[in-house]
Amino acid sequence: MKIDTALTPNDLLPAIRRMWDLSAGKITSIDRTMDRAAGAPVHTVAGQYKPRGWTDWTQGFEFGSAILQFDATGDESFLALGLDRICSDMPVHVTHFGVHDHGFNQVSTYGNLRRLVNEGRLPEDPWQMEYFELALKCSGAVQANRWTELGDSYGYIQSFNGPHSLFIDTMRTLRVLALAHQLGHVMKGEGDQVIPLLGRLIAHARTTAKYGVFYGEGRDIYDVRGRTAHEAIFNTASKAFRCVGTQQGYSGFSTWTRGLSWAITGYAELLEFMETLDDAEVEAFGGKAEVIAMMEKAAAATCDFYIAHTATDGIPYWDTGAPDLAKLGDIYNKESEPENDVEPVDSSAAAIAAQGLLRFGAWREATGRADAARYRQAGLTVVRTLLSDRYLSIDPEHQGLVLHSQYHRPNGWDHVPPGRANPCGEATMWGDYHMREVALYVQRLAENGPYLTFFG
């Protein structure tokens, strides 16, 4: 990536405001045309959002987008839309025991609403706030209950593949455990055993840092500092780590860049959360200093890898080991080519990672660490690219917001336009949501608004 060291949040405000103007029509179009009985919108096909039955993990991104639209613009019609859909469609997700996606669904919806009340943007209705917080408490416990214990302070929230499977994606969903802990909630098991949610959050982050993130320390011959594996697989009988793998990447020994981005933003955001905790809260789980050091090591490594393995404009290709990348030449020393016919880029990975880069830079600055500006400026550089005409969907008939996003390359689920050999020109619900979230983050920096956090 070629980092623009002079770029400021204020420089991006005109493009951000244009984005919100475009976003408004897309949100209303999706809501008007979606067949709710078919499931949640996942990705666009020829510009129209379609569901793909799996786990409905994108429902919160759809309704959360309406809440973010209200947050950024003050347009109360989007608040009304979001509230209506959240109340009618989201409760089933709160008690969905079959997924690891609670932090995506519930924090994007109930979490954003709670935050707006705390910021004074919504009137404080005690019963309404109790509803938001109860949903978050329950969701945190349900997610934490999908647990594989490894012992010695390690363990993980199981992916939907089963108890043997740890996904890198789950790092960004841990924030629902953080909120539930912040609200004073605990799990209870057999015999009224109290199971601290903060303990499970930290154990999962520690296990992911050890087995899902690489540090160039000789773990295997593919151990490059900062790369990530999509999946870590364990023997559930012996609790031993067995191997890395992937569901949506090319290989367990290459880096699926959306998984990398989930790790970047997951660790960066949790570092901010950890600063709000007293030492005594963390003492039983390794101590605050040790936990912060573990998270910082993972965040720094993954951020550095992202910066080194993207095109000069900050956009990654879908997997660093994609088999035909060499045909594109020196991809890290030129701008991304989103409409090439060899290997696709993934703009959704960029939208997710941009926020993590910005937050990691902000955390480093707040804690007096070096190199804060490098990460902040890298994040701003990525946001500028995503707001450009090459990536922002300016066609009012296209329901997507950020073009050239990928869903599942190995399964061939992404739409390939006529006359093309590669998927391009389409959007995903997580890419669009995270574009809105990072745009709101930068907008608040530019306007000196409240610093945006999930726990505020």
Protein backbone atom coordinates (compact mmCIF):
# COMPACT_ATOMS: atom_id res chain seq x y z
CA MET A 1 0.00 0.00 0.00
CA LYS A 2 1.15 3.50 -0.76
CA ILE A 3 0.09 5.37 2.38
CA ASP A 4 -0.95 9.00 1.96
CA THR A 5 0.66 10.67 4.96
CA ALA A 6 -1.12 14.01 4.43
CA LEU A 7 -4.72 12.78 4.14
CA THR A 8 -7.10 13.99 6.86
CA PRO A 9 -10.61 12.93 7.92
CA ASN A 10 -11.86 16.35 6.84
CA ASP A 11 -10.53 15.75 3.33
CA LEU A 12 -12.90 12.78 3.05
CA LEU A 13 -16.07 14.54 4.26
CA PRO A 14 -17.41 15.53 0.81
CA ALA A 15 -17.05 11.96 -0.44
CA ILE A 16 -18.58 10.59 2.75
CA ARG A 17 -21.61 12.85 2.40
CA ARG A 18 -22.02 11.73 -1.20
CA MET A 19 -21.86 8.16 0.03
CA TRP A 20 -24.71 8.74 2.51
CA ASP A 21 -26.81 10.27 -0.25
CA LEU A 22 -26.31 7.15 -2.36
CA SER A 23 -26.74 4.86 0.63
CA ALA A 24 -30.22 6.17 1.45
CA GLY A 25 -31.77 5.00 -1.82
CA LYS A 26 -30.07 1.63 -1.63
CA ILE A 27 -31.35 0.87 1.88
CA THR A 28 -34.93 1.72 0.94
CA SER A 29 -34.68 -0.24 -2.31
CA ILE A 30 -33.47 -3.38 -0.53
CA ASP A 31 -36.20 -3.13 2.09
CA ARG A 32 -38.87 -2.66 -0.57
CA THR A 33 -37.84 -5.58 -2.76
CA MET A 34 -36.48 -8.28 -0.40
CA ASP A 35 -38.49 -11.45 -0.02
CA ARG A 36 -38.20 -11.88 3.75
CA ALA A 37 -39.43 -15.46 3.60
CA ALA A 38 -36.38 -16.40 1.54
CA GLY A 39 -33.86 -15.21 4.12
CA ALA A 40 -31.52 -12.30 4.69
CA PRO A 41 -29.87 -10.42 1.81
CA VAL A 42 -26.32 -11.64 1.32
CA HIS A 43 -24.85 -10.46 -1.99
CA THR A 44 -25.93 -8.79 -5.20
CA VAL A 45 -26.53 -10.56 -8.47
CA ALA A 46 -26.63 -8.16 -11.42
CA GLY A 47 -27.09 -5.32 -8.93
CA GLN A 48 -29.94 -6.79 -6.88
CA TYR A 49 -29.54 -8.21 -3.40
CA LYS A 50 -30.32 -11.91 -3.08
CA PRO A 51 -30.52 -14.22 -0.07
CA ARG A 52 -28.48 -17.36 0.20
CA GLY A 53 -29.69 -19.71 2.89
CA TRP A 54 -26.94 -20.63 5.31
CA THR A 55 -27.16 -18.92 8.71
CA ASP A 56 -28.78 -15.53 8.00
CA TRP A 57 -25.67 -13.95 9.51
CA THR A 58 -26.19 -10.79 7.45
CA GLN A 59 -29.61 -9.80 8.82
CA GLY A 60 -28.10 -7.49 11.42
CA PHE A 61 -25.97 -5.78 8.79
CA GLU A 62 -29.09 -4.98 6.75
CA PHE A 63 -31.09 -3.43 9.59
CA GLY A 64 -28.00 -1.99 11.26
CA SER A 65 -27.30 -0.07 8.05
CA ALA A 66 -30.57 1.81 8.50
CA ILE A 67 -29.56 2.75 12.05
CA LEU A 68 -26.15 3.98 10.84
CA GLN A 69 -27.88 6.00 8.10
CA PHE A 70 -29.94 7.77 10.77
CA ASP A 71 -26.86 8.22 12.95
CA ALA A 72 -24.91 9.92 10.16
CA THR A 73 -27.67 12.01 8.60
CA GLY A 74 -30.38 12.48 11.23
CA ASP A 75 -33.04 11.18 8.83
CA GLU A 76 -35.59 9.71 11.23
CA SER A 77 -37.28 7.63 8.54
CA PHE A 78 -34.28 5.27 8.70
CA LEU A 79 -34.52 5.09 12.48
CA ALA A 80 -38.18 4.11 12.15
CA LEU A 81 -37.34 1.54 9.48
CA GLY A 82 -34.54 0.04 11.53
CA LEU A 83 -36.58 -0.13 14.74
CA ASP A 84 -39.50 -1.77 12.99
CA ARG A 85 -37.39 -4.46 11.33
CA ILE A 86 -35.26 -5.09 14.42
CA CYS A 87 -38.30 -5.60 16.63
CA SER A 88 -39.99 -7.92 14.16
CA ASP A 89 -37.08 -9.91 12.71
CA MET A 90 -34.11 -9.88 15.09
CA PRO A 91 -35.37 -11.64 18.27
CA VAL A 92 -34.95 -15.08 16.67
CA HIS A 93 -31.26 -14.31 16.15
CA VAL A 94 -30.75 -13.56 19.84
CA THR A 95 -31.32 -17.21 20.74
CA HIS A 96 -29.84 -18.80 17.62
CA PHE A 97 -27.66 -21.54 19.11
CA GLY A 98 -26.33 -22.76 15.77
CA VAL A 99 -24.05 -19.87 14.80
CA HIS A 100 -20.99 -17.93 15.91
CA ASP A 101 -22.27 -14.68 14.40
CA HIS A 102 -23.99 -13.00 17.34
CA GLY A 103 -21.62 -10.06 17.42
CA PHE A 104 -22.45 -9.34 13.79
CA ASN A 105 -26.22 -9.55 14.13
CA GLN A 106 -26.95 -8.12 17.56
CA VAL A 107 -24.27 -5.47 18.02
CA SER A 108 -25.09 -4.01 14.60
CA THR A 109 -28.73 -3.64 15.67
CA TYR A 110 -29.45 -3.64 19.40
CA GLY A 111 -25.91 -2.47 20.10
CA ASN A 112 -26.14 0.55 17.82
CA LEU A 113 -29.51 1.50 19.31
CA ARG A 114 -28.15 1.25 22.85
CA ARG A 115 -25.18 3.40 21.88
CA LEU A 116 -27.42 6.09 20.43
CA VAL A 117 -29.40 6.24 23.67
CA ASN A 118 -26.18 6.57 25.66
CA GLU A 119 -25.02 9.35 23.34
CA GLY A 120 -28.27 11.25 23.85
CA ARG A 121 -29.30 10.80 20.23
CA LEU A 122 -32.42 8.85 21.18
CA PRO A 123 -34.76 9.63 24.08
CA GLU A 124 -34.07 7.47 27.10
CA ASP A 125 -37.01 5.15 27.62
CA PRO A 126 -36.07 2.79 30.50
CA TRP A 127 -38.13 -0.10 29.19
CA GLN A 128 -36.83 0.28 25.65
CA MET A 129 -33.25 0.39 26.93
CA GLU A 130 -33.94 -2.70 29.03
CA TYR A 131 -35.08 -4.45 25.85
CA PHE A 132 -31.89 -3.52 23.96
CA GLU A 133 -29.67 -4.59 26.84
CA LEU A 134 -31.50 -7.83 27.54
CA ALA A 135 -31.07 -8.83 23.89
CA LEU A 136 -27.32 -8.15 24.14
CA LYS A 137 -26.97 -10.03 27.43
CA CYS A 138 -28.76 -13.08 26.08
CA SER A 139 -26.89 -12.99 22.79
CA GLY A 140 -23.53 -12.83 24.56
CA ALA A 141 -24.37 -15.88 26.65
CA VAL A 142 -25.74 -17.85 23.71
CA GLN A 143 -22.61 -17.18 21.68
CA ALA A 144 -20.30 -18.00 24.58
CA ASN A 145 -22.13 -21.28 25.13
CA ARG A 146 -20.79 -22.59 21.79
CA TRP A 147 -17.61 -23.52 23.60
CA THR A 148 -14.75 -25.94 23.21
CA GLU A 149 -12.52 -25.95 26.28
CA LEU A 150 -8.82 -26.62 25.67
CA GLY A 151 -7.54 -25.98 29.18
CA ASP A 152 -4.69 -23.81 30.48
CA SER A 153 -6.61 -20.58 29.69
CA TYR A 154 -7.33 -21.60 26.10
CA GLY A 155 -10.64 -22.37 24.41
CA TYR A 156 -12.82 -21.05 21.64
CA ILE A 157 -16.31 -20.32 20.39
CA GLN A 158 -17.10 -23.04 17.87
CA SER A 159 -17.81 -22.09 14.29
CA PHE A 160 -20.94 -23.45 12.65
CA ASN A 161 -18.74 -26.28 11.34
CA GLY A 162 -18.76 -27.87 14.77
CA PRO A 163 -16.82 -28.22 18.02
CA HIS A 164 -13.51 -28.92 16.27
CA SER A 165 -13.54 -25.64 14.33
CA LEU A 166 -12.24 -22.17 15.24
CA PHE A 167 -12.90 -19.44 12.65
CA ILE A 168 -10.85 -16.25 12.40
CA ASP A 169 -14.12 -14.38 11.64
CA THR A 170 -15.26 -14.76 15.23
CA MET A 171 -12.74 -12.17 16.46
CA ARG A 172 -15.12 -9.42 15.31
CA THR A 173 -18.10 -11.08 16.97
CA LEU A 174 -16.51 -11.18 20.44
CA ARG A 175 -17.80 -7.68 21.03
CA VAL A 176 -21.18 -9.10 22.00
CA LEU A 177 -19.47 -10.91 24.89
CA ALA A 178 -17.75 -7.64 25.79
CA LEU A 179 -21.07 -5.80 25.91
CA ALA A 180 -22.77 -8.52 27.91
CA HIS A 181 -19.89 -8.43 30.41
CA GLN A 182 -20.04 -4.63 30.55
CA LEU A 183 -23.73 -4.93 31.38
CA GLY A 184 -22.91 -7.19 34.33
CA HIS A 185 -24.14 -10.41 32.78
CA VAL A 186 -22.72 -13.89 33.38
CA MET A 187 -23.51 -17.35 32.09
CA LYS A 188 -24.63 -20.05 34.44
CA GLY A 189 -24.03 -23.72 33.87
CA GLU A 190 -24.90 -26.92 35.69
CA GLY A 191 -25.23 -26.51 39.44
CA ASP A 192 -25.41 -22.74 39.00
CA GLN A 193 -21.75 -22.60 37.98
CA VAL A 194 -20.91 -18.99 37.08
CA ILE A 195 -19.05 -18.71 33.77
CA PRO A 196 -17.58 -15.21 33.23
CA LEU A 197 -18.13 -13.92 29.71
CA LEU A 198 -14.97 -11.83 29.85
CA GLY A 199 -13.02 -15.00 30.53
CA ARG A 200 -14.38 -16.67 27.43
CA LEU A 201 -13.72 -13.56 25.34
CA ILE A 202 -10.09 -13.46 26.43
CA ALA A 203 -9.57 -17.22 26.05
CA HIS A 204 -10.98 -17.13 22.52
CA ALA A 205 -8.82 -14.13 21.58
CA ARG A 206 -5.76 -15.86 23.07
CA THR A 207 -6.46 -19.12 21.21
CA THR A 208 -7.01 -17.27 17.93
CA ALA A 209 -3.80 -15.31 18.44
CA LYS A 210 -1.85 -18.53 18.97
CA TYR A 211 -3.37 -20.75 16.29
CA GLY A 212 -5.01 -18.40 13.77
CA VAL A 213 -2.35 -15.68 13.50
CA PHE A 214 1.26 -16.25 12.43
CA TYR A 215 4.32 -14.30 13.62
CA GLY A 216 7.26 -15.44 11.53
CA GLU A 217 8.57 -17.54 14.41
CA GLY A 218 9.03 -20.83 12.54
CA ARG A 219 5.71 -22.45 13.26
CA ASP A 220 5.73 -24.05 9.80
CA ILE A 221 7.34 -23.32 6.45
CA TYR A 222 4.48 -20.94 5.57
CA ASP A 223 4.90 -18.90 8.75
CA VAL A 224 4.93 -15.30 7.51
CA ARG A 225 4.43 -12.64 10.16
CA GLY A 226 0.89 -11.31 10.19
CA ARG A 227 -0.77 -13.80 7.92
CA THR A 228 -3.88 -15.56 9.20
CA ALA A 229 -5.56 -18.91 8.69
CA HIS A 230 -9.31 -18.93 8.19
CA GLU A 231 -9.82 -22.05 10.31
CA ALA A 232 -7.91 -23.82 13.06
CA ILE A 233 -8.94 -27.44 13.61
CA PHE A 234 -8.61 -29.33 16.89
CA ASN A 235 -9.01 -32.91 18.06
CA THR A 236 -11.93 -32.55 20.44
CA ALA A 237 -11.00 -35.70 22.36
CA SER A 238 -7.34 -34.87 23.08
CA LYS A 239 -7.76 -31.06 22.79
CA ALA A 240 -4.71 -31.01 20.53
CA PHE A 241 -4.32 -28.60 17.62
CA ARG A 242 -4.26 -30.53 14.36
CA CYS A 243 -4.05 -28.22 11.36
CA VAL A 244 -5.15 -25.04 9.66
CA GLY A 245 -7.76 -24.97 6.94
CA THR A 246 -10.20 -22.73 5.14
CA GLN A 247 -13.79 -22.61 3.98
CA GLN A 248 -13.76 -19.48 1.84
CA GLY A 249 -10.08 -18.95 1.11
CA TYR A 250 -7.76 -20.76 -1.27
CA SER A 251 -5.70 -22.66 1.28
CA GLY A 252 -4.99 -22.93 4.98
CA PHE A 253 -1.42 -21.98 4.08
CA SER A 254 -2.35 -18.78 2.27
CA THR A 255 -4.26 -15.81 3.63
CA TRP A 256 -7.92 -15.27 2.86
CA THR A 257 -7.93 -11.51 3.11
CA ARG A 258 -11.40 -11.05 4.55
CA GLY A 259 -10.40 -13.34 7.42
CA LEU A 260 -7.28 -11.21 7.88
CA SER A 261 -9.51 -8.14 8.07
CA TRP A 262 -11.78 -9.68 10.70
CA ALA A 263 -8.70 -10.25 12.85
CA ILE A 264 -7.38 -6.72 12.31
CA THR A 265 -10.58 -5.01 13.38
CA GLY A 266 -11.46 -7.55 16.04
CA TYR A 267 -8.18 -7.13 17.91
CA ALA A 268 -8.01 -3.36 17.42
CA GLU A 269 -11.52 -2.86 18.77
CA LEU A 270 -10.93 -5.14 21.75
CA LEU A 271 -7.76 -3.23 22.63
CA GLU A 272 -9.93 -0.13 22.96
CA PHE A 273 -12.39 -2.06 25.11
CA MET A 274 -9.65 -3.44 27.36
CA GLU A 275 -8.62 0.09 28.29
CA THR A 276 -12.02 0.57 29.95
CA LEU A 277 -11.52 -2.36 32.36
CA ASP A 278 -10.01 -2.28 35.81
CA ASP A 279 -6.98 -4.45 36.46
CA ALA A 280 -9.00 -6.47 38.96
CA GLU A 281 -11.56 -7.45 36.31
CA VAL A 282 -8.87 -9.11 34.21
CA GLU A 283 -6.68 -10.56 36.95
CA ALA A 284 -8.28 -14.01 36.88
CA PHE A 285 -7.76 -14.30 33.10
CA GLY A 286 -4.05 -13.59 32.89
CA GLY A 287 -3.91 -9.97 33.95
CA LYS A 288 -4.57 -6.83 31.96
CA ALA A 289 -0.96 -6.29 30.87
CA GLU A 290 -0.63 -9.82 29.51
CA VAL A 291 -3.95 -9.69 27.67
CA ILE A 292 -3.17 -6.32 26.10
CA ALA A 293 0.28 -7.53 25.04
CA MET A 294 -1.26 -10.62 23.39
CA MET A 295 -3.84 -8.54 21.52
CA GLU A 296 -1.33 -5.87 20.52
CA LYS A 297 1.05 -8.46 19.08
CA ALA A 298 -1.73 -9.94 16.94
CA ALA A 299 -3.08 -6.54 15.87
CA ALA A 300 0.34 -5.17 14.89
CA ALA A 301 1.27 -8.28 12.92
CA THR A 302 -2.00 -8.45 10.98
CA CYS A 303 -2.07 -4.71 10.27
CA ASP A 304 1.51 -4.83 8.97
CA PHE A 305 0.73 -7.84 6.78
CA TYR A 306 -2.30 -6.07 5.32
CA ILE A 307 -0.30 -2.95 4.48
CA ALA A 308 2.38 -5.06 2.79
CA HIS A 309 -0.05 -7.29 0.86
CA THR A 310 -2.46 -4.90 -0.78
CA ALA A 311 -2.32 -2.93 -4.00
CA THR A 312 -0.97 0.61 -3.73
CA ASP A 313 -4.51 1.96 -3.25
CA GLY A 314 -5.09 -0.28 -0.21
CA ILE A 315 -7.35 -2.91 -1.81
CA PRO A 316 -6.46 -6.61 -1.39
CA TYR A 317 -7.07 -9.47 -3.75
CA TRP A 318 -9.33 -12.15 -2.31
CA ASP A 319 -6.51 -14.46 -1.17
CA THR A 320 -2.75 -13.93 -1.10
CA GLY A 321 -2.22 -17.42 -2.51
CA ALA A 322 -4.83 -17.29 -5.26
CA PRO A 323 -3.31 -19.46 -8.00
CA ASP A 324 -3.32 -17.00 -10.89
CA LEU A 325 -2.19 -13.83 -9.10
CA ALA A 326 1.25 -14.09 -10.72
CA LYS A 327 -0.39 -13.44 -14.10
CA LEU A 328 -1.29 -9.95 -12.90
CA GLY A 329 2.34 -9.00 -12.36
CA ASP A 330 3.60 -7.10 -9.32
CA ILE A 331 0.19 -6.58 -7.71
CA TYR A 332 1.56 -4.86 -4.62
CA ASN A 333 3.30 -2.10 -6.55
CA LYS A 334 0.39 -0.89 -8.64
CA GLU A 335 -3.26 0.04 -8.16
CA SER A 336 -5.85 -2.68 -7.79
CA GLU A 337 -7.55 -3.98 -10.93
CA PRO A 338 -11.12 -4.78 -9.82
CA GLU A 339 -12.34 -5.74 -13.27
CA ASN A 340 -9.51 -8.05 -14.26
CA ASP A 341 -10.27 -11.52 -15.63
CA VAL A 342 -7.69 -13.42 -13.58
CA GLU A 343 -8.29 -13.16 -9.81
CA PRO A 344 -10.84 -10.91 -8.07
CA VAL A 345 -10.18 -8.26 -5.47
CA ASP A 346 -12.29 -8.16 -2.31
CA SER A 347 -13.45 -4.67 -1.42
CA SER A 348 -15.33 -5.99 1.62
CA ALA A 349 -12.01 -7.01 3.16
CA ALA A 350 -10.82 -3.44 2.62
CA ALA A 351 -13.94 -1.92 4.20
CA ILE A 352 -13.48 -4.08 7.30
CA ALA A 353 -9.70 -3.61 7.58
CA ALA A 354 -9.85 0.17 7.15
CA GLN A 355 -11.64 0.55 10.47
CA GLY A 356 -9.18 -1.73 12.23
CA LEU A 357 -6.22 0.23 10.89
CA LEU A 358 -7.79 3.47 12.07
CA ARG A 359 -8.65 2.10 15.50
CA PHE A 360 -5.24 0.51 16.01
CA GLY A 361 -3.64 3.85 15.14
CA ALA A 362 -5.96 5.69 17.54
CA TRP A 363 -5.24 3.18 20.33
CA ARG A 364 -1.49 3.47 19.81
CA GLU A 365 -1.70 7.24 19.94
CA ALA A 366 -3.86 7.21 23.07
CA THR A 367 -1.46 4.85 24.85
CA GLY A 368 1.71 6.70 23.80
CA ARG A 369 3.03 4.06 21.41
CA ALA A 370 5.08 4.72 18.28
CA ASP A 371 3.91 4.48 14.66
CA ALA A 372 0.31 5.49 15.39
CA ALA A 373 0.20 7.79 12.37
CA ARG A 374 1.24 5.00 10.00
CA TYR A 375 -1.80 2.91 10.81
CA ARG A 376 -4.19 5.86 10.91
CA GLN A 377 -3.03 7.12 7.52
CA ALA A 378 -3.22 3.64 6.03
CA GLY A 379 -6.85 3.41 7.16
CA LEU A 380 -7.69 6.80 5.67
CA THR A 381 -6.00 5.81 2.40
CA VAL A 382 -8.17 2.71 2.12
CA VAL A 383 -11.34 4.68 2.89
CA ARG A 384 -10.51 7.21 0.16
CA THR A 385 -10.16 4.44 -2.40
CA LEU A 386 -13.48 2.84 -1.40
CA LEU A 387 -15.22 6.22 -1.74
CA SER A 388 -13.91 6.72 -5.27
CA ASP A 389 -15.93 6.09 -8.43
CA ARG A 390 -13.97 2.87 -8.99
CA TYR A 391 -15.50 1.25 -5.91
CA LEU A 392 -18.49 3.25 -4.73
CA SER A 393 -21.70 2.23 -6.49
CA ILE A 394 -23.05 5.45 -7.98
CA ASP A 395 -25.75 3.75 -10.07
CA PRO A 396 -29.08 4.33 -8.25
CA GLU A 397 -30.45 1.11 -9.74
CA HIS A 398 -27.68 -0.98 -8.18
CA GLN A 399 -28.61 -1.96 -4.61
CA GLY A 400 -25.00 -2.44 -3.52
CA LEU A 401 -22.93 0.34 -1.99
CA VAL A 402 -19.36 -0.92 -2.44
CA LEU A 403 -18.57 -2.75 -5.67
CA HIS A 404 -16.15 -5.63 -6.28
CA SER A 405 -16.86 -7.50 -3.06
CA GLN A 406 -16.52 -11.29 -2.84
CA TYR A 407 -18.59 -13.83 -0.95
CA HIS A 408 -17.43 -17.41 -1.54
CA ARG A 409 -14.89 -17.76 -4.32
CA PRO A 410 -14.23 -21.54 -3.94
CA ASN A 411 -17.94 -22.35 -4.18
CA GLY A 412 -18.41 -20.06 -7.17
CA TRP A 413 -21.27 -18.19 -5.50
CA ASP A 414 -20.24 -14.76 -6.76
CA HIS A 415 -21.89 -13.34 -9.87
CA VAL A 416 -19.79 -13.23 -13.02
CA PRO A 417 -21.15 -10.60 -15.42
CA PRO A 418 -21.75 -11.60 -19.05
CA GLY A 419 -18.57 -11.43 -21.07
CA ARG A 420 -16.35 -11.68 -18.00
CA ALA A 421 -14.30 -14.55 -16.63
CA ASN A 422 -14.25 -13.27 -13.05
CA PRO A 423 -16.79 -12.01 -10.51
CA CYS A 424 -16.77 -8.22 -10.25
CA GLY A 425 -19.10 -5.27 -9.96
CA GLU A 426 -21.15 -6.74 -7.10
CA ALA A 427 -21.61 -6.00 -3.40
CA THR A 428 -22.06 -7.90 -0.15
CA MET A 429 -24.10 -6.95 2.90
CA TRP A 430 -21.09 -7.05 5.25
CA GLY A 431 -19.01 -4.97 2.88
CA ASP A 432 -21.73 -2.33 2.65
CA TYR A 433 -22.37 -2.29 6.40
CA HIS A 434 -18.69 -1.90 7.22
CA MET A 435 -18.34 0.85 4.63
CA ARG A 436 -21.09 2.72 6.45
CA GLU A 437 -19.53 2.00 9.84
CA VAL A 438 -16.06 3.22 8.89
CA ALA A 439 -17.53 6.25 7.10
CA LEU A 440 -19.40 7.18 10.28
CA TYR A 441 -16.19 6.71 12.27
CA VAL A 442 -14.24 9.05 9.98
CA GLN A 443 -17.14 11.52 9.77
CA ARG A 444 -17.16 11.85 13.55
CA LEU A 445 -13.41 12.44 13.58
CA ALA A 446 -13.80 15.18 10.99
CA GLU A 447 -16.72 16.83 12.79
CA ASN A 448 -15.23 16.41 16.28
CA GLY A 449 -18.17 14.22 17.26
CA PRO A 450 -18.17 11.51 19.94
CA TYR A 451 -15.56 8.85 19.32
CA LEU A 452 -17.39 5.85 17.87
CA THR A 453 -17.15 2.62 19.88
CA PHE A 454 -19.46 -0.38 20.26
CA PHE A 455 -19.25 -0.10 24.06
CA GLY A 456 -19.86 3.62 24.42
